[in-house]
Amino acid sequence: MDDNKVITRVERLGVSVYSNPYYRLHFKDGTSARTKINAMINYSVENSENLNRPVAVKTTKAGRVYDIRPIE
């Protein structure tokens, strides 16, 4: 599922059994979603230049974020 959102805050939740970090992303519309565990997106989320900018967010059927792309 694709959604256009604005990320306002990133909260680190912990690490997976493989020591990979995962996060909860908070959006301007008041919703939030957790990133998919062990996904490559987790390494670029914390220092994201996409905070407070429109992004396209892709989620799994379970609602886990697995891709974020800036909207030009």
PDB file of N, CA and C in Angstrom:
ATOM      1  N   MET A   1       0.833  -1.180   0.000  1.00  0.00           N
ATOM      2  CA  MET A   1       0.000   0.000   0.000  1.00  0.00           C
ATOM      3  C   MET A   1       0.878   1.244   0.000  1.00  0.00           C
ATOM      4  N   ASP A   2       0.571   2.202  -0.838  1.00  0.00           N
ATOM      5  CA  ASP A   2       1.282   3.480  -0.889  1.00  0.00           C
ATOM      6  C   ASP A   2       0.445   4.561  -0.232  1.00  0.00           C
ATOM      7  N   ASP A   3       1.082   5.378   0.577  1.00  0.00           N
ATOM      8  CA  ASP A   3       0.433   6.525   1.203  1.00  0.00           C
ATOM      9  C   ASP A   3       1.389   7.697   1.171  1.00  0.00           C
ATOM     10  N   ASN A   4       0.863   8.887   0.948  1.00  0.00           N
ATOM     11  CA  ASN A   4       1.671  10.089   1.061  1.00  0.00           C
ATOM     12  C   ASN A   4       1.508  10.618   2.476  1.00  0.00           C
ATOM     13  N   LYS A   5       2.622  10.760   3.173  1.00  0.00           N
ATOM     14  CA  LYS A   5       2.615  11.162   4.582  1.00  0.00           C
ATOM     15  C   LYS A   5       3.738  12.147   4.836  1.00  0.00           C
ATOM     16  N   VAL A   6       3.736  12.737   6.045  1.00  0.00           N
ATOM     17  CA  VAL A   6       4.826  13.579   6.518  1.00  0.00           C
ATOM     18  C   VAL A   6       5.270  12.998   7.858  1.00  0.00           C
ATOM     19  N   ILE A   7       6.532  12.574   7.929  1.00  0.00           N
ATOM     20  CA  ILE A   7       7.078  11.995   9.162  1.00  0.00           C
ATOM     21  C   ILE A   7       7.451  13.133  10.106  1.00  0.00           C
ATOM     22  N   THR A   8       6.889  13.117  11.322  1.00  0.00           N
ATOM     23  CA  THR A   8       7.191  14.164  12.292  1.00  0.00           C
ATOM     24  C   THR A   8       8.143  13.704  13.388  1.00  0.00           C
ATOM     25  N   ARG A   9       8.153  12.383  13.645  1.00  0.00           N
ATOM     26  CA  ARG A   9       9.014  11.889  14.724  1.00  0.00           C
ATOM     27  C   ARG A   9       9.365  10.435  14.455  1.00  0.00           C
ATOM     28  N   VAL A  10      10.583  10.053  14.850  1.00  0.00           N
ATOM     29  CA  VAL A  10      11.055   8.672  14.723  1.00  0.00           C
ATOM     30  C   VAL A  10      11.417   8.179  16.120  1.00  0.00           C
ATOM     31  N   GLU A  11      10.835   7.044  16.501  1.00  0.00           N
ATOM     32  CA  GLU A  11      11.068   6.472  17.823  1.00  0.00           C
ATOM     33  C   GLU A  11      11.725   5.096  17.676  1.00  0.00           C
ATOM     34  N   ARG A  12      12.899   4.941  18.254  1.00  0.00           N
ATOM     35  CA  ARG A  12      13.582   3.647  18.180  1.00  0.00           C
ATOM     36  C   ARG A  12      12.934   2.684  19.167  1.00  0.00           C
ATOM     37  N   LEU A  13      12.576   1.504  18.686  1.00  0.00           N
ATOM     38  CA  LEU A  13      11.880   0.524  19.523  1.00  0.00           C
ATOM     39  C   LEU A  13      12.801  -0.540  20.091  1.00  0.00           C
ATOM     40  N   GLY A  14      13.854  -0.875  19.418  1.00  0.00           N
ATOM     41  CA  GLY A  14      14.752  -1.914  19.904  1.00  0.00           C
ATOM     42  C   GLY A  14      15.501  -2.554  18.761  1.00  0.00           C
ATOM     43  N   VAL A  15      15.915  -3.788  18.986  1.00  0.00           N
ATOM     44  CA  VAL A  15      16.641  -4.520  17.956  1.00  0.00           C
ATOM     45  C   VAL A  15      16.025  -5.908  17.797  1.00  0.00           C
ATOM     46  N   SER A  16      16.195  -6.471  16.610  1.00  0.00           N
ATOM     47  CA  SER A  16      15.702  -7.822  16.337  1.00  0.00           C
ATOM     48  C   SER A  16      16.674  -8.839  16.918  1.00  0.00           C
ATOM     49  N   VAL A  17      16.342 -10.114  16.781  1.00  0.00           N
ATOM     50  CA  VAL A  17      17.241 -11.165  17.268  1.00  0.00           C
ATOM     51  C   VAL A  17      18.565 -11.163  16.506  1.00  0.00           C
ATOM     52  N   TYR A  18      18.585 -10.503  15.341  1.00  0.00           N
ATOM     53  CA  TYR A  18      19.811 -10.380  14.542  1.00  0.00           C
ATOM     54  C   TYR A  18      20.504  -9.041  14.780  1.00  0.00           C
ATOM     55  N   SER A  19      20.095  -8.329  15.825  1.00  0.00           N
ATOM     56  CA  SER A  19      20.658  -7.032  16.232  1.00  0.00           C
ATOM     57  C   SER A  19      20.412  -5.908  15.240  1.00  0.00           C
ATOM     58  N   ASN A  20      19.364  -6.012  14.431  1.00  0.00           N
ATOM     59  CA  ASN A  20      18.996  -4.936  13.515  1.00  0.00           C
ATOM     60  C   ASN A  20      17.951  -4.045  14.177  1.00  0.00           C
ATOM     61  N   PRO A  21      18.118  -2.720  14.098  1.00  0.00           N
ATOM     62  CA  PRO A  21      17.167  -1.810  14.743  1.00  0.00           C
ATOM     63  C   PRO A  21      15.829  -1.770  13.999  1.00  0.00           C
ATOM     64  N   TYR A  22      14.775  -1.371  14.726  1.00  0.00           N
ATOM     65  CA  TYR A  22      13.493  -1.090  14.091  1.00  0.00           C
ATOM     66  C   TYR A  22      12.852   0.095  14.812  1.00  0.00           C
ATOM     67  N   TYR A  23      11.924   0.762  14.140  1.00  0.00           N
ATOM     68  CA  TYR A  23      11.421   2.053  14.595  1.00  0.00           C
ATOM     69  C   TYR A  23       9.912   2.166  14.469  1.00  0.00           C
ATOM     70  N   ARG A  24       9.338   3.116  15.208  1.00  0.00           N
ATOM     71  CA  ARG A  24       7.966   3.545  15.011  1.00  0.00           C
ATOM     72  C   ARG A  24       8.038   4.947  14.413  1.00  0.00           C
ATOM     73  N   LEU A  25       7.366   5.134  13.288  1.00  0.00           N
ATOM     74  CA  LEU A  25       7.318   6.426  12.615  1.00  0.00           C
ATOM     75  C   LEU A  25       6.001   7.098  12.950  1.00  0.00           C
ATOM     76  N   HIS A  26       6.073   8.343  13.380  1.00  0.00           N
ATOM     77  CA  HIS A  26       4.877   9.123  13.704  1.00  0.00           C
ATOM     78  C   HIS A  26       4.655  10.120  12.572  1.00  0.00           C
ATOM     79  N   PHE A  27       3.407  10.206  12.121  1.00  0.00           N
ATOM     80  CA  PHE A  27       3.076  11.046  10.973  1.00  0.00           C
ATOM     81  C   PHE A  27       2.252  12.256  11.385  1.00  0.00           C
ATOM     82  N   LYS A  28       2.276  13.275  10.543  1.00  0.00           N
ATOM     83  CA  LYS A  28       1.586  14.540  10.804  1.00  0.00           C
ATOM     84  C   LYS A  28       0.082  14.356  10.985  1.00  0.00           C
ATOM     85  N   ASP A  29      -0.506  13.357  10.319  1.00  0.00           N
ATOM     86  CA  ASP A  29      -1.951  13.138  10.423  1.00  0.00           C
ATOM     87  C   ASP A  29      -2.356  12.418  11.711  1.00  0.00           C
ATOM     88  N   GLY A  30      -1.403  12.188  12.622  1.00  0.00           N
ATOM     89  CA  GLY A  30      -1.697  11.579  13.906  1.00  0.00           C
ATOM     90  C   GLY A  30      -1.564  10.062  13.933  1.00  0.00           C
ATOM     91  N   THR A  31      -1.271   9.446  12.801  1.00  0.00           N
ATOM     92  CA  THR A  31      -1.092   8.001  12.746  1.00  0.00           C
ATOM     93  C   THR A  31       0.374   7.652  12.972  1.00  0.00           C
ATOM     94  N   SER A  32       0.629   6.378  13.185  1.00  0.00           N
ATOM     95  CA  SER A  32       2.008   5.903  13.310  1.00  0.00           C
ATOM     96  C   SER A  32       2.075   4.493  12.749  1.00  0.00           C
ATOM     97  N   ALA A  33       3.282   4.063  12.414  1.00  0.00           N
ATOM     98  CA  ALA A  33       3.498   2.715  11.896  1.00  0.00           C
ATOM     99  C   ALA A  33       4.900   2.266  12.259  1.00  0.00           C
ATOM    100  N   ARG A  34       5.040   0.978  12.494  1.00  0.00           N
ATOM    101  CA  ARG A  34       6.335   0.412  12.816  1.00  0.00           C
ATOM    102  C   ARG A  34       7.014  -0.034  11.532  1.00  0.00           C
ATOM    103  N   THR A  35       8.341   0.079  11.510  1.00  0.00           N
ATOM    104  CA  THR A  35       9.075  -0.413  10.349  1.00  0.00           C
ATOM    105  C   THR A  35       9.168  -1.928  10.427  1.00  0.00           C
ATOM    106  N   LYS A  36       9.336  -2.540   9.280  1.00  0.00           N
ATOM    107  CA  LYS A  36       9.462  -3.987   9.198  1.00  0.00           C
ATOM    108  C   LYS A  36      10.799  -4.404   9.816  1.00  0.00           C
ATOM    109  N   ILE A  37      10.778  -5.446  10.623  1.00  0.00           N
ATOM    110  CA  ILE A  37      12.005  -5.928  11.273  1.00  0.00           C
ATOM    111  C   ILE A  37      12.949  -6.493  10.210  1.00  0.00           C
ATOM    112  N   ASN A  38      14.234  -6.202  10.373  1.00  0.00           N
ATOM    113  CA  ASN A  38      15.312  -6.667   9.497  1.00  0.00           C
ATOM    114  C   ASN A  38      15.216  -6.125   8.066  1.00  0.00           C
ATOM    115  N   ALA A  39      14.504  -5.022   7.866  1.00  0.00           N
ATOM    116  CA  ALA A  39      14.433  -4.387   6.547  1.00  0.00           C
ATOM    117  C   ALA A  39      15.550  -3.359   6.415  1.00  0.00           C
ATOM    118  N   MET A  40      16.059  -3.208   5.207  1.00  0.00           N
ATOM    119  CA  MET A  40      17.154  -2.258   4.970  1.00  0.00           C
ATOM    120  C   MET A  40      16.744  -0.816   5.290  1.00  0.00           C
ATOM    121  N   ILE A  41      15.468  -0.499   5.187  1.00  0.00           N
ATOM    122  CA  ILE A  41      15.000   0.868   5.452  1.00  0.00           C
ATOM    123  C   ILE A  41      15.366   1.324   6.866  1.00  0.00           C
ATOM    124  N   ASN A  42      15.507   0.391   7.797  1.00  0.00           N
ATOM    125  CA  ASN A  42      15.792   0.747   9.189  1.00  0.00           C
ATOM    126  C   ASN A  42      17.131   1.448   9.367  1.00  0.00           C
ATOM    127  N   TYR A  43      18.066   1.212   8.481  1.00  0.00           N
ATOM    128  CA  TYR A  43      19.368   1.861   8.611  1.00  0.00           C
ATOM    129  C   TYR A  43      19.370   3.295   8.109  1.00  0.00           C
ATOM    130  N   SER A  44      18.363   3.687   7.365  1.00  0.00           N
ATOM    131  CA  SER A  44      18.306   5.060   6.875  1.00  0.00           C
ATOM    132  C   SER A  44      17.245   5.895   7.581  1.00  0.00           C
ATOM    133  N   VAL A  45      16.432   5.291   8.418  1.00  0.00           N
ATOM    134  CA  VAL A  45      15.324   6.004   9.054  1.00  0.00           C
ATOM    135  C   VAL A  45      15.782   6.972  10.128  1.00  0.00           C
ATOM    136  N   GLU A  46      16.653   6.534  11.018  1.00  0.00           N
ATOM    137  CA  GLU A  46      16.992   7.339  12.191  1.00  0.00           C
ATOM    138  C   GLU A  46      17.606   8.690  11.820  1.00  0.00           C
ATOM    139  N   ASN A  47      18.469   8.735  10.839  1.00  0.00           N
ATOM    140  CA  ASN A  47      19.109   9.983  10.429  1.00  0.00           C
ATOM    141  C   ASN A  47      18.454  10.534   9.163  1.00  0.00           C
ATOM    142  N   SER A  48      17.167  10.329   9.072  1.00  0.00           N
ATOM    143  CA  SER A  48      16.437  10.636   7.851  1.00  0.00           C
ATOM    144  C   SER A  48      16.374  12.128   7.555  1.00  0.00           C
ATOM    145  N   GLU A  49      16.665  12.468   6.324  1.00  0.00           N
ATOM    146  CA  GLU A  49      16.480  13.837   5.859  1.00  0.00           C
ATOM    147  C   GLU A  49      15.032  14.054   5.447  1.00  0.00           C
ATOM    148  N   ASN A  50      14.200  13.018   5.601  1.00  0.00           N
ATOM    149  CA  ASN A  50      12.803  13.096   5.197  1.00  0.00           C
ATOM    150  C   ASN A  50      11.869  13.584   6.299  1.00  0.00           C
ATOM    151  N   LEU A  51      12.400  13.919   7.472  1.00  0.00           N
ATOM    152  CA  LEU A  51      11.548  14.432   8.534  1.00  0.00           C
ATOM    153  C   LEU A  51      10.908  15.747   8.102  1.00  0.00           C
ATOM    154  N   ASN A  52       9.616  15.865   8.379  1.00  0.00           N
ATOM    155  CA  ASN A  52       8.833  17.069   8.076  1.00  0.00           C
ATOM    156  C   ASN A  52       8.795  17.417   6.595  1.00  0.00           C
ATOM    157  N   ARG A  53       8.943  16.402   5.745  1.00  0.00           N
ATOM    158  CA  ARG A  53       8.825  16.577   4.302  1.00  0.00           C
ATOM    159  C   ARG A  53       7.872  15.509   3.772  1.00  0.00           C
ATOM    160  N   PRO A  54       7.132  15.798   2.693  1.00  0.00           N
ATOM    161  CA  PRO A  54       6.226  14.785   2.137  1.00  0.00           C
ATOM    162  C   PRO A  54       7.008  13.591   1.581  1.00  0.00           C
ATOM    163  N   VAL A  55       6.552  12.402   1.948  1.00  0.00           N
ATOM    164  CA  VAL A  55       7.170  11.168   1.471  1.00  0.00           C
ATOM    165  C   VAL A  55       6.081  10.176   1.070  1.00  0.00           C
ATOM    166  N   ALA A  56       6.442   9.267   0.176  1.00  0.00           N
ATOM    167  CA  ALA A  56       5.576   8.143  -0.168  1.00  0.00           C
ATOM    168  C   ALA A  56       6.000   6.976   0.707  1.00  0.00           C
ATOM    169  N   VAL A  57       5.070   6.449   1.481  1.00  0.00           N
ATOM    170  CA  VAL A  57       5.348   5.375   2.425  1.00  0.00           C
ATOM    171  C   VAL A  57       4.706   4.092   1.907  1.00  0.00           C
ATOM    172  N   LYS A  58       5.500   3.037   1.782  1.00  0.00           N
ATOM    173  CA  LYS A  58       4.972   1.733   1.366  1.00  0.00           C
ATOM    174  C   LYS A  58       4.927   0.820   2.578  1.00  0.00           C
ATOM    175  N   THR A  59       3.788   0.145   2.742  1.00  0.00           N
ATOM    176  CA  THR A  59       3.619  -0.746   3.882  1.00  0.00           C
ATOM    177  C   THR A  59       3.204  -2.141   3.425  1.00  0.00           C
ATOM    178  N   THR A  60       3.459  -3.113   4.289  1.00  0.00           N
ATOM    179  CA  THR A  60       3.019  -4.478   4.045  1.00  0.00           C
ATOM    180  C   THR A  60       1.527  -4.578   4.376  1.00  0.00           C
ATOM    181  N   LYS A  61       0.933  -5.718   4.117  1.00  0.00           N
ATOM    182  CA  LYS A  61      -0.474  -5.938   4.477  1.00  0.00           C
ATOM    183  C   LYS A  61      -0.695  -5.805   5.979  1.00  0.00           C
ATOM    184  N   ALA A  62       0.334  -6.113   6.758  1.00  0.00           N
ATOM    185  CA  ALA A  62       0.246  -6.007   8.216  1.00  0.00           C
ATOM    186  C   ALA A  62       0.476  -4.579   8.702  1.00  0.00           C
ATOM    187  N   GLY A  63       0.764  -3.647   7.785  1.00  0.00           N
ATOM    188  CA  GLY A  63       0.956  -2.250   8.160  1.00  0.00           C
ATOM    189  C   GLY A  63       2.367  -1.873   8.549  1.00  0.00           C
ATOM    190  N   ARG A  64       3.344  -2.718   8.259  1.00  0.00           N
ATOM    191  CA  ARG A  64       4.750  -2.414   8.569  1.00  0.00           C
ATOM    192  C   ARG A  64       5.381  -1.654   7.407  1.00  0.00           C
ATOM    193  N   VAL A  65       6.116  -0.597   7.719  1.00  0.00           N
ATOM    194  CA  VAL A  65       6.769   0.219   6.699  1.00  0.00           C
ATOM    195  C   VAL A  65       7.989  -0.507   6.168  1.00  0.00           C
ATOM    196  N   TYR A  66       8.100  -0.603   4.829  1.00  0.00           N
ATOM    197  CA  TYR A  66       9.294  -1.229   4.255  1.00  0.00           C
ATOM    198  C   TYR A  66       9.978  -0.343   3.221  1.00  0.00           C
ATOM    199  N   ASP A  67       9.385   0.812   2.894  1.00  0.00           N
ATOM    200  CA  ASP A  67      10.026   1.719   1.930  1.00  0.00           C
ATOM    201  C   ASP A  67       9.506   3.127   2.118  1.00  0.00           C
ATOM    202  N   ILE A  68      10.407   4.091   1.996  1.00  0.00           N
ATOM    203  CA  ILE A  68      10.061   5.512   2.076  1.00  0.00           C
ATOM    204  C   ILE A  68      10.768   6.213   0.934  1.00  0.00           C
ATOM    205  N   ARG A  69      10.027   6.981   0.149  1.00  0.00           N
ATOM    206  CA  ARG A  69      10.595   7.733  -0.981  1.00  0.00           C
ATOM    207  C   ARG A  69      10.158   9.187  -0.883  1.00  0.00           C
ATOM    208  N   PRO A  70      11.096  10.123  -1.045  1.00  0.00           N
ATOM    209  CA  PRO A  70      10.709  11.545  -1.057  1.00  0.00           C
ATOM    210  C   PRO A  70       9.789  11.847  -2.232  1.00  0.00           C
ATOM    211  N   ILE A  71       8.851  12.742  -2.019  1.00  0.00           N
ATOM    212  CA  ILE A  71       7.976  13.213  -3.090  1.00  0.00           C
ATOM    213  C   ILE A  71       8.572  14.494  -3.630  1.00  0.00           C
ATOM    214  N   GLU A  72       8.867  14.489  -4.892  1.00  0.00           N
ATOM    215  CA  GLU A  72       9.496  15.667  -5.524  1.00  0.00           C
ATOM    216  C   GLU A  72       8.457  16.690  -5.898  1.00  0.00           C
TER     217      GLU A  72
END
